[in-house]
PDB file of N, CA and C in Angstrom:
ATOM      1  N   MET A   1     106.178  82.705  87.201  1.00  0.00           N
ATOM      2  CA  MET A   1     107.563  83.097  87.390  1.00  0.00           C
ATOM      3  C   MET A   1     107.951  83.732  86.160  1.00  0.00           C
ATOM      4  N   GLU A   2     108.467  84.969  86.302  1.00  0.00           N
ATOM      5  CA  GLU A   2     109.005  85.615  85.140  1.00  0.00           C
ATOM      6  C   GLU A   2     110.504  85.301  84.885  1.00  0.00           C
ATOM      7  N   ILE A   3     110.624  84.746  83.765  1.00  0.00           N
ATOM      8  CA  ILE A   3     112.185  84.379  83.460  1.00  0.00           C
ATOM      9  C   ILE A   3     112.920  85.538  82.840  1.00  0.00           C
ATOM     10  N   ALA A   4     112.336  86.198  81.853  1.00  0.00           N
ATOM     11  CA  ALA A   4     112.991  87.279  81.299  1.00  0.00           C
ATOM     12  C   ALA A   4     111.992  88.363  80.824  1.00  0.00           C
ATOM     13  N   ARG A   5     112.556  89.492  80.571  1.00  0.00           N
ATOM     14  CA  ARG A   5     111.808  90.662  80.034  1.00  0.00           C
ATOM     15  C   ARG A   5     112.490  91.317  78.872  1.00  0.00           C
ATOM     16  N   PHE A   6     111.817  91.513  77.749  1.00  0.00           N
ATOM     17  CA  PHE A   6     112.489  92.112  76.612  1.00  0.00           C
ATOM     18  C   PHE A   6     111.491  92.812  75.948  1.00  0.00           C
ATOM     19  N   SER A   7     112.011  93.666  74.948  1.00  0.00           N
ATOM     20  CA  SER A   7     111.178  94.498  74.062  1.00  0.00           C
ATOM     21  C   SER A   7     111.593  94.052  72.524  1.00  0.00           C
ATOM     22  N   ALA A   8     110.622  93.991  71.746  1.00  0.00           N
ATOM     23  CA  ALA A   8     110.756  93.603  70.333  1.00  0.00           C
ATOM     24  C   ALA A   8     109.713  94.260  69.351  1.00  0.00           C
ATOM     25  N   PRO A   9     110.087  94.678  68.320  1.00  0.00           N
ATOM     26  CA  PRO A   9     109.103  95.185  67.443  1.00  0.00           C
ATOM     27  C   PRO A   9     108.107  94.051  66.953  1.00  0.00           C
ATOM     28  N   PRO A  10     106.910  94.418  66.463  1.00  0.00           N
ATOM     29  CA  PRO A  10     105.863  93.386  66.150  1.00  0.00           C
ATOM     30  C   PRO A  10     106.462  92.513  64.952  1.00  0.00           C
ATOM     31  N   GLY A  11     106.233  91.315  64.995  1.00  0.00           N
ATOM     32  CA  GLY A  11     106.705  90.435  63.898  1.00  0.00           C
ATOM     33  C   GLY A  11     106.513  88.930  64.456  1.00  0.00           C
ATOM     34  N   LYS A  12     107.120  88.012  63.602  1.00  0.00           N
ATOM     35  CA  LYS A  12     107.010  86.628  64.013  1.00  0.00           C
ATOM     36  C   LYS A  12     108.383  86.231  64.496  1.00  0.00           C
ATOM     37  N   TYR A  13     108.374  85.510  65.503  1.00  0.00           N
ATOM     38  CA  TYR A  13     109.680  85.077  66.229  1.00  0.00           C
ATOM     39  C   TYR A  13     109.504  83.673  66.705  1.00  0.00           C
ATOM     40  N   VAL A  14     110.648  83.042  66.807  1.00  0.00           N
ATOM     41  CA  VAL A  14     110.634  81.594  67.417  1.00  0.00           C
ATOM     42  C   VAL A  14     111.479  81.740  68.644  1.00  0.00           C
ATOM     43  N   LEU A  15     110.834  81.289  69.799  1.00  0.00           N
ATOM     44  CA  LEU A  15     111.445  81.385  71.097  1.00  0.00           C
ATOM     45  C   LEU A  15     111.721  79.904  71.521  1.00  0.00           C
ATOM     46  N   GLN A  16     112.963  79.730  72.042  1.00  0.00           N
ATOM     47  CA  GLN A  16     113.315  78.465  72.608  1.00  0.00           C
ATOM     48  C   GLN A  16     113.858  78.628  74.024  1.00  0.00           C
ATOM     49  N   LEU A  17     113.383  77.726  74.819  1.00  0.00           N
ATOM     50  CA  LEU A  17     113.886  77.744  76.228  1.00  0.00           C
ATOM     51  C   LEU A  17     114.775  76.531  76.443  1.00  0.00           C
ATOM     52  N   SER A  18     116.128  76.922  76.418  1.00  0.00           N
ATOM     53  CA  SER A  18     117.156  75.879  76.596  1.00  0.00           C
ATOM     54  C   SER A  18     117.459  75.659  78.025  1.00  0.00           C
ATOM     55  N   GLU A  19     117.842  74.433  78.265  1.00  0.00           N
ATOM     56  CA  GLU A  19     118.062  73.998  79.678  1.00  0.00           C
ATOM     57  C   GLU A  19     119.246  74.729  80.179  1.00  0.00           C
ATOM     58  N   GLY A  20     119.196  75.417  81.318  1.00  0.00           N
ATOM     59  CA  GLY A  20     120.263  76.083  81.979  1.00  0.00           C
ATOM     60  C   GLY A  20     120.719  77.397  81.335  1.00  0.00           C
ATOM     61  N   SER A  21     120.004  77.893  80.304  1.00  0.00           N
ATOM     62  CA  SER A  21     120.433  79.202  79.495  1.00  0.00           C
ATOM     63  C   SER A  21     120.036  80.370  80.278  1.00  0.00           C
ATOM     64  N   THR A  22     119.064  80.327  81.233  1.00  0.00           N
ATOM     65  CA  THR A  22     118.685  81.459  81.998  1.00  0.00           C
ATOM     66  C   THR A  22     119.106  81.430  83.419  1.00  0.00           C
ATOM     67  N   VAL A  23     119.984  80.533  83.800  1.00  0.00           N
ATOM     68  CA  VAL A  23     120.322  80.413  85.228  1.00  0.00           C
ATOM     69  C   VAL A  23     121.815  81.100  85.307  1.00  0.00           C
ATOM     70  N   PRO A  24     121.830  82.081  86.192  1.00  0.00           N
ATOM     71  CA  PRO A  24     123.061  82.820  86.517  1.00  0.00           C
ATOM     72  C   PRO A  24     124.143  81.876  87.064  1.00  0.00           C
ATOM     73  N   GLY A  25     125.313  82.179  87.008  1.00  0.00           N
ATOM     74  CA  GLY A  25     126.564  81.326  87.446  1.00  0.00           C
ATOM     75  C   GLY A  25     126.475  80.967  88.910  1.00  0.00           C
ATOM     76  N   VAL A  26     126.034  81.937  89.749  1.00  0.00           N
ATOM     77  CA  VAL A  26     125.972  81.607  91.198  1.00  0.00           C
ATOM     78  C   VAL A  26     124.890  80.494  91.551  1.00  0.00           C
ATOM     79  N   GLU A  27     123.731  80.644  90.744  1.00  0.00           N
ATOM     80  CA  GLU A  27     122.586  79.627  90.929  1.00  0.00           C
ATOM     81  C   GLU A  27     123.103  78.313  90.430  1.00  0.00           C
ATOM     82  N   GLN A  28     123.895  78.241  89.378  1.00  0.00           N
ATOM     83  CA  GLN A  28     124.325  76.954  88.749  1.00  0.00           C
ATOM     84  C   GLN A  28     125.261  76.305  89.789  1.00  0.00           C
ATOM     85  N   THR A  29     126.147  77.073  90.459  1.00  0.00           N
ATOM     86  CA  THR A  29     126.977  76.461  91.483  1.00  0.00           C
ATOM     87  C   THR A  29     126.197  75.873  92.618  1.00  0.00           C
ATOM     88  N   LEU A  30     125.167  76.732  93.057  1.00  0.00           N
ATOM     89  CA  LEU A  30     124.335  75.999  94.185  1.00  0.00           C
ATOM     90  C   LEU A  30     123.498  74.756  93.773  1.00  0.00           C
ATOM     91  N   ILE A  31     123.086  74.755  92.453  1.00  0.00           N
ATOM     92  CA  ILE A  31     122.465  73.617  91.983  1.00  0.00           C
ATOM     93  C   ILE A  31     123.380  72.463  92.054  1.00  0.00           C
ATOM     94  N   ARG A  32     124.650  72.596  91.604  1.00  0.00           N
ATOM     95  CA  ARG A  32     125.537  71.522  91.658  1.00  0.00           C
ATOM     96  C   ARG A  32     125.876  71.044  93.050  1.00  0.00           C
ATOM     97  N   LEU A  33     125.917  71.985  93.960  1.00  0.00           N
ATOM     98  CA  LEU A  33     126.330  71.729  95.277  1.00  0.00           C
ATOM     99  C   LEU A  33     125.225  71.029  96.167  1.00  0.00           C
ATOM    100  N   LEU A  34     123.934  71.448  95.836  1.00  0.00           N
ATOM    101  CA  LEU A  34     122.769  70.889  96.480  1.00  0.00           C
ATOM    102  C   LEU A  34     122.222  69.700  95.912  1.00  0.00           C
ATOM    103  N   ASN A  35     122.711  69.308  94.848  1.00  0.00           N
ATOM    104  CA  ASN A  35     122.301  68.166  94.027  1.00  0.00           C
ATOM    105  C   ASN A  35     120.701  68.256  93.913  1.00  0.00           C
ATOM    106  N   VAL A  36     120.324  69.266  93.286  1.00  0.00           N
ATOM    107  CA  VAL A  36     118.771  69.624  93.077  1.00  0.00           C
ATOM    108  C   VAL A  36     118.395  68.782  91.752  1.00  0.00           C
ATOM    109  N   LYS A  37     117.270  68.171  91.682  1.00  0.00           N
ATOM    110  CA  LYS A  37     116.870  67.547  90.480  1.00  0.00           C
ATOM    111  C   LYS A  37     116.423  68.615  89.468  1.00  0.00           C
ATOM    112  N   MET A  38     116.589  68.316  88.227  1.00  0.00           N
ATOM    113  CA  MET A  38     116.302  69.282  87.155  1.00  0.00           C
ATOM    114  C   MET A  38     114.811  69.374  86.900  1.00  0.00           C
ATOM    115  N   VAL A  39     114.591  70.570  86.269  1.00  0.00           N
ATOM    116  CA  VAL A  39     113.078  70.739  86.047  1.00  0.00           C
ATOM    117  C   VAL A  39     112.607  69.947  84.759  1.00  0.00           C
ATOM    118  N   ASP A  40     111.401  69.509  84.788  1.00  0.00           N
ATOM    119  CA  ASP A  40     110.781  68.823  83.694  1.00  0.00           C
ATOM    120  C   ASP A  40     110.103  69.808  82.845  1.00  0.00           C
ATOM    121  N   TYR A  41     110.758  70.296  81.703  1.00  0.00           N
ATOM    122  CA  TYR A  41     110.155  71.257  80.956  1.00  0.00           C
ATOM    123  C   TYR A  41     108.924  70.973  80.261  1.00  0.00           C
ATOM    124  N   ASP A  42     108.499  69.687  80.189  1.00  0.00           N
ATOM    125  CA  ASP A  42     107.232  69.343  79.616  1.00  0.00           C
ATOM    126  C   ASP A  42     106.000  69.770  80.366  1.00  0.00           C
ATOM    127  N   LYS A  43     106.241  70.077  81.693  1.00  0.00           N
ATOM    128  CA  LYS A  43     105.219  70.404  82.635  1.00  0.00           C
ATOM    129  C   LYS A  43     105.035  71.991  82.612  1.00  0.00           C
ATOM    130  N   TYR A  44     105.771  72.691  81.917  1.00  0.00           N
ATOM    131  CA  TYR A  44     105.639  74.069  81.854  1.00  0.00           C
ATOM    132  C   TYR A  44     105.511  74.649  80.447  1.00  0.00           C
ATOM    133  N   PHE A  45     105.198  75.933  80.291  1.00  0.00           N
ATOM    134  CA  PHE A  45     105.044  76.588  79.011  1.00  0.00           C
ATOM    135  C   PHE A  45     105.493  77.962  79.017  1.00  0.00           C
ATOM    136  N   ILE A  46     105.762  78.516  77.915  1.00  0.00           N
ATOM    137  CA  ILE A  46     106.166  79.863  77.782  1.00  0.00           C
ATOM    138  C   ILE A  46     104.977  80.764  77.362  1.00  0.00           C
ATOM    139  N   GLN A  47     104.875  81.922  77.981  1.00  0.00           N
ATOM    140  CA  GLN A  47     103.736  82.783  77.785  1.00  0.00           C
ATOM    141  C   GLN A  47     104.249  84.222  77.465  1.00  0.00           C
ATOM    142  N   ILE A  48     103.903  84.753  76.353  1.00  0.00           N
ATOM    143  CA  ILE A  48     104.337  86.116  76.000  1.00  0.00           C
ATOM    144  C   ILE A  48     103.224  87.032  76.218  1.00  0.00           C
ATOM    145  N   ARG A  49     103.475  88.124  76.911  1.00  0.00           N
ATOM    146  CA  ARG A  49     102.332  89.141  77.265  1.00  0.00           C
ATOM    147  C   ARG A  49     102.985  90.520  76.900  1.00  0.00           C
ATOM    148  N   GLU A  50     102.008  91.369  76.459  1.00  0.00           N
ATOM    149  CA  GLU A  50     102.361  92.822  76.173  1.00  0.00           C
ATOM    150  C   GLU A  50     102.179  93.416  77.576  1.00  0.00           C
ATOM    151  N   SER A  51     103.235  94.263  77.875  1.00  0.00           N
ATOM    152  CA  SER A  51     103.196  94.907  79.142  1.00  0.00           C
ATOM    153  C   SER A  51     102.676  96.357  78.927  1.00  0.00           C
ATOM    154  N   ARG A  52     102.195  96.963  80.032  1.00  0.00           N
ATOM    155  CA  ARG A  52     101.698  98.350  79.962  1.00  0.00           C
ATOM    156  C   ARG A  52     102.869  99.308  80.060  1.00  0.00           C
ATOM    157  N   PRO A  53     102.639 100.453  79.507  1.00  0.00           N
ATOM    158  CA  PRO A  53     103.815 101.488  79.638  1.00  0.00           C
ATOM    159  C   PRO A  53     103.838 101.936  81.157  1.00  0.00           C
ATOM    160  N   VAL A  54     105.023 102.180  81.586  1.00  0.00           N
ATOM    161  CA  VAL A  54     105.261 102.539  83.031  1.00  0.00           C
ATOM    162  C   VAL A  54     104.373 103.841  83.364  1.00  0.00           C
ATOM    163  N   LEU A  55     104.386 104.794  82.398  1.00  0.00           N
ATOM    164  CA  LEU A  55     103.664 106.049  82.596  1.00  0.00           C
ATOM    165  C   LEU A  55     102.153 105.802  82.978  1.00  0.00           C
ATOM    166  N   SER A  56     101.461 104.939  82.278  1.00  0.00           N
ATOM    167  CA  SER A  56     100.122 104.613  82.613  1.00  0.00           C
ATOM    168  C   SER A  56      99.904 103.972  83.858  1.00  0.00           C
ATOM    169  N   VAL A  57     100.811 103.033  84.243  1.00  0.00           N
ATOM    170  CA  VAL A  57     100.796 102.332  85.523  1.00  0.00           C
ATOM    171  C   VAL A  57     100.903 103.495  86.770  1.00  0.00           C
ATOM    172  N   LEU A  58     101.940 104.409  86.583  1.00  0.00           N
ATOM    173  CA  LEU A  58     102.045 105.436  87.639  1.00  0.00           C
ATOM    174  C   LEU A  58     100.785 106.490  87.718  1.00  0.00           C
ATOM    175  N   ILE A  59     100.280 106.695  86.588  1.00  0.00           N
ATOM    176  CA  ILE A  59      99.069 107.619  86.523  1.00  0.00           C
ATOM    177  C   ILE A  59      97.920 106.872  87.227  1.00  0.00           C
ATOM    178  N   GLY A  60      97.733 105.475  86.900  1.00  0.00           N
ATOM    179  CA  GLY A  60      96.729 104.772  87.541  1.00  0.00           C
ATOM    180  C   GLY A  60      96.853 104.679  89.080  1.00  0.00           C
ATOM    181  N   ILE A  61      98.225 104.599  89.599  1.00  0.00           N
ATOM    182  CA  ILE A  61      98.378 104.602  90.965  1.00  0.00           C
ATOM    183  C   ILE A  61      97.986 105.871  91.706  1.00  0.00           C
ATOM    184  N   LEU A  62      98.426 106.980  91.005  1.00  0.00           N
ATOM    185  CA  LEU A  62      98.124 108.325  91.438  1.00  0.00           C
ATOM    186  C   LEU A  62      96.481 108.530  91.484  1.00  0.00           C
ATOM    187  N   LEU A  63      95.813 108.066  90.544  1.00  0.00           N
ATOM    188  CA  LEU A  63      94.314 108.117  90.377  1.00  0.00           C
ATOM    189  C   LEU A  63      93.666 107.321  91.559  1.00  0.00           C
ATOM    190  N   LEU A  64      94.252 106.168  91.753  1.00  0.00           N
ATOM    191  CA  LEU A  64      93.699 105.362  92.825  1.00  0.00           C
ATOM    192  C   LEU A  64      93.849 105.994  94.232  1.00  0.00           C
ATOM    193  N   ALA A  65      95.035 106.566  94.440  1.00  0.00           N
ATOM    194  CA  ALA A  65      95.414 107.235  95.771  1.00  0.00           C
ATOM    195  C   ALA A  65      94.374 108.497  95.872  1.00  0.00           C
ATOM    196  N   PHE A  66      94.233 109.223  94.829  1.00  0.00           N
ATOM    197  CA  PHE A  66      93.285 110.350  94.800  1.00  0.00           C
ATOM    198  C   PHE A  66      91.900 110.036  95.072  1.00  0.00           C
ATOM    199  N   SER A  67      91.426 108.871  94.582  1.00  0.00           N
ATOM    200  CA  SER A  67      90.057 108.520  94.685  1.00  0.00           C
ATOM    201  C   SER A  67      89.934 107.956  96.257  1.00  0.00           C
ATOM    202  N   GLY A  68      90.853 107.372  96.705  1.00  0.00           N
ATOM    203  CA  GLY A  68      90.819 106.955  98.190  1.00  0.00           C
ATOM    204  C   GLY A  68      90.662 108.183  99.061  1.00  0.00           C
ATOM    205  N   LEU A  69      91.450 109.229  98.724  1.00  0.00           N
ATOM    206  CA  LEU A  69      91.455 110.462  99.539  1.00  0.00           C
ATOM    207  C   LEU A  69      89.955 111.117  99.437  1.00  0.00           C
ATOM    208  N   CYS A  70      89.468 111.111  98.159  1.00  0.00           N
ATOM    209  CA  CYS A  70      88.092 111.601  98.002  1.00  0.00           C
ATOM    210  C   CYS A  70      87.108 110.849  98.843  1.00  0.00           C
ATOM    211  N   ILE A  71      87.167 109.440  98.847  1.00  0.00           N
ATOM    212  CA  ILE A  71      86.169 108.699  99.677  1.00  0.00           C
ATOM    213  C   ILE A  71      86.376 109.053 101.126  1.00  0.00           C
ATOM    214  N   ILE A  72      87.537 109.041 101.635  1.00  0.00           N
ATOM    215  CA  ILE A  72      87.845 109.441 102.943  1.00  0.00           C
ATOM    216  C   ILE A  72      87.355 110.818 103.410  1.00  0.00           C
ATOM    217  N   GLY A  73      87.661 111.759 102.442  1.00  0.00           N
ATOM    218  CA  GLY A  73      87.134 113.157 102.685  1.00  0.00           C
ATOM    219  C   GLY A  73      85.587 113.177 102.711  1.00  0.00           C
ATOM    220  N   GLY A  74      85.057 112.536 101.788  1.00  0.00           N
ATOM    221  CA  GLY A  74      83.471 112.435 101.753  1.00  0.00           C
ATOM    222  C   GLY A  74      82.936 111.880 103.006  1.00  0.00           C
ATOM    223  N   LEU A  75      83.510 110.858 103.537  1.00  0.00           N
ATOM    224  CA  LEU A  75      83.031 110.298 104.815  1.00  0.00           C
ATOM    225  C   LEU A  75      83.173 111.261 105.976  1.00  0.00           C
ATOM    226  N   VAL A  76      84.320 111.821 106.124  1.00  0.00           N
ATOM    227  CA  VAL A  76      84.592 112.768 107.135  1.00  0.00           C
ATOM    228  C   VAL A  76      83.715 114.020 106.963  1.00  0.00           C
ATOM    229  N   ALA A  77      83.513 114.452 105.788  1.00  0.00           N
ATOM    230  CA  ALA A  77      82.660 115.636 105.618  1.00  0.00           C
ATOM    231  C   ALA A  77      81.205 115.288 105.955  1.00  0.00           C
ATOM    232  N   GLY A  78      80.702 114.014 105.678  1.00  0.00           N
ATOM    233  CA  GLY A  78      79.464 113.608 106.037  1.00  0.00           C
ATOM    234  C   GLY A  78      79.210 113.385 107.606  1.00  0.00           C
ATOM    235  N   ILE A  79      80.162 112.984 108.303  1.00  0.00           N
ATOM    236  CA  ILE A  79      80.156 112.863 109.648  1.00  0.00           C
ATOM    237  C   ILE A  79      80.211 114.224 110.426  1.00  0.00           C
ATOM    238  N   LEU A  80      81.002 115.252 109.865  1.00  0.00           N
ATOM    239  CA  LEU A  80      81.063 116.459 110.421  1.00  0.00           C
ATOM    240  C   LEU A  80      80.116 117.540 109.879  1.00  0.00           C
ATOM    241  N   SER A  81      79.192 117.120 109.024  1.00  0.00           N
ATOM    242  CA  SER A  81      78.366 118.088 108.292  1.00  0.00           C
ATOM    243  C   SER A  81      77.492 118.910 109.333  1.00  0.00           C
ATOM    244  N   ASP A  82      77.048 118.315 110.367  1.00  0.00           N
ATOM    245  CA  ASP A  82      76.335 119.099 111.360  1.00  0.00           C
ATOM    246  C   ASP A  82      77.097 120.212 111.972  1.00  0.00           C
ATOM    247  N   GLN A  83      78.311 119.900 112.224  1.00  0.00           N
ATOM    248  CA  GLN A  83      79.253 121.046 112.759  1.00  0.00           C
ATOM    249  C   GLN A  83      79.717 122.042 111.689  1.00  0.00           C
ATOM    250  N   ILE A  84      79.895 121.512 110.453  1.00  0.00           N
ATOM    251  CA  ILE A  84      80.305 122.470 109.378  1.00  0.00           C
ATOM    252  C   ILE A  84      79.199 123.431 109.090  1.00  0.00           C
ATOM    253  N   PHE A  85      77.969 122.942 108.896  1.00  0.00           N
ATOM    254  CA  PHE A  85      76.960 123.784 108.436  1.00  0.00           C
ATOM    255  C   PHE A  85      76.038 124.463 109.562  1.00  0.00           C
ATOM    256  N   LYS A  86      76.472 124.325 110.762  1.00  0.00           N
ATOM    257  CA  LYS A  86      75.705 124.809 111.925  1.00  0.00           C
ATOM    258  C   LYS A  86      75.859 126.318 111.891  1.00  0.00           C
ATOM    259  N   GLN A  87      74.624 127.041 112.035  1.00  0.00           N
ATOM    260  CA  GLN A  87      74.678 128.499 112.051  1.00  0.00           C
ATOM    261  C   GLN A  87      73.993 128.904 113.296  1.00  0.00           C
TER     262      GLN A  87
END
């Protein structure tokens, strides 16, 4: 589950996950109304990952779509090769 997304320059940081600090007001109201038991933070951990730039993800999606079209085109050309090269 992604709690937050942020950008920061390289360096050393101290991250703390405080109880209820990331829960929006509407969700806090629902938690109080439904009497939900609180999360045991000892069972979870924080993981920080470097994300890829959006441009490289979009280029990757376009290249995957193009390669799929090439595969389909090759299959169709192979099936219809008798009719295409018939003289």
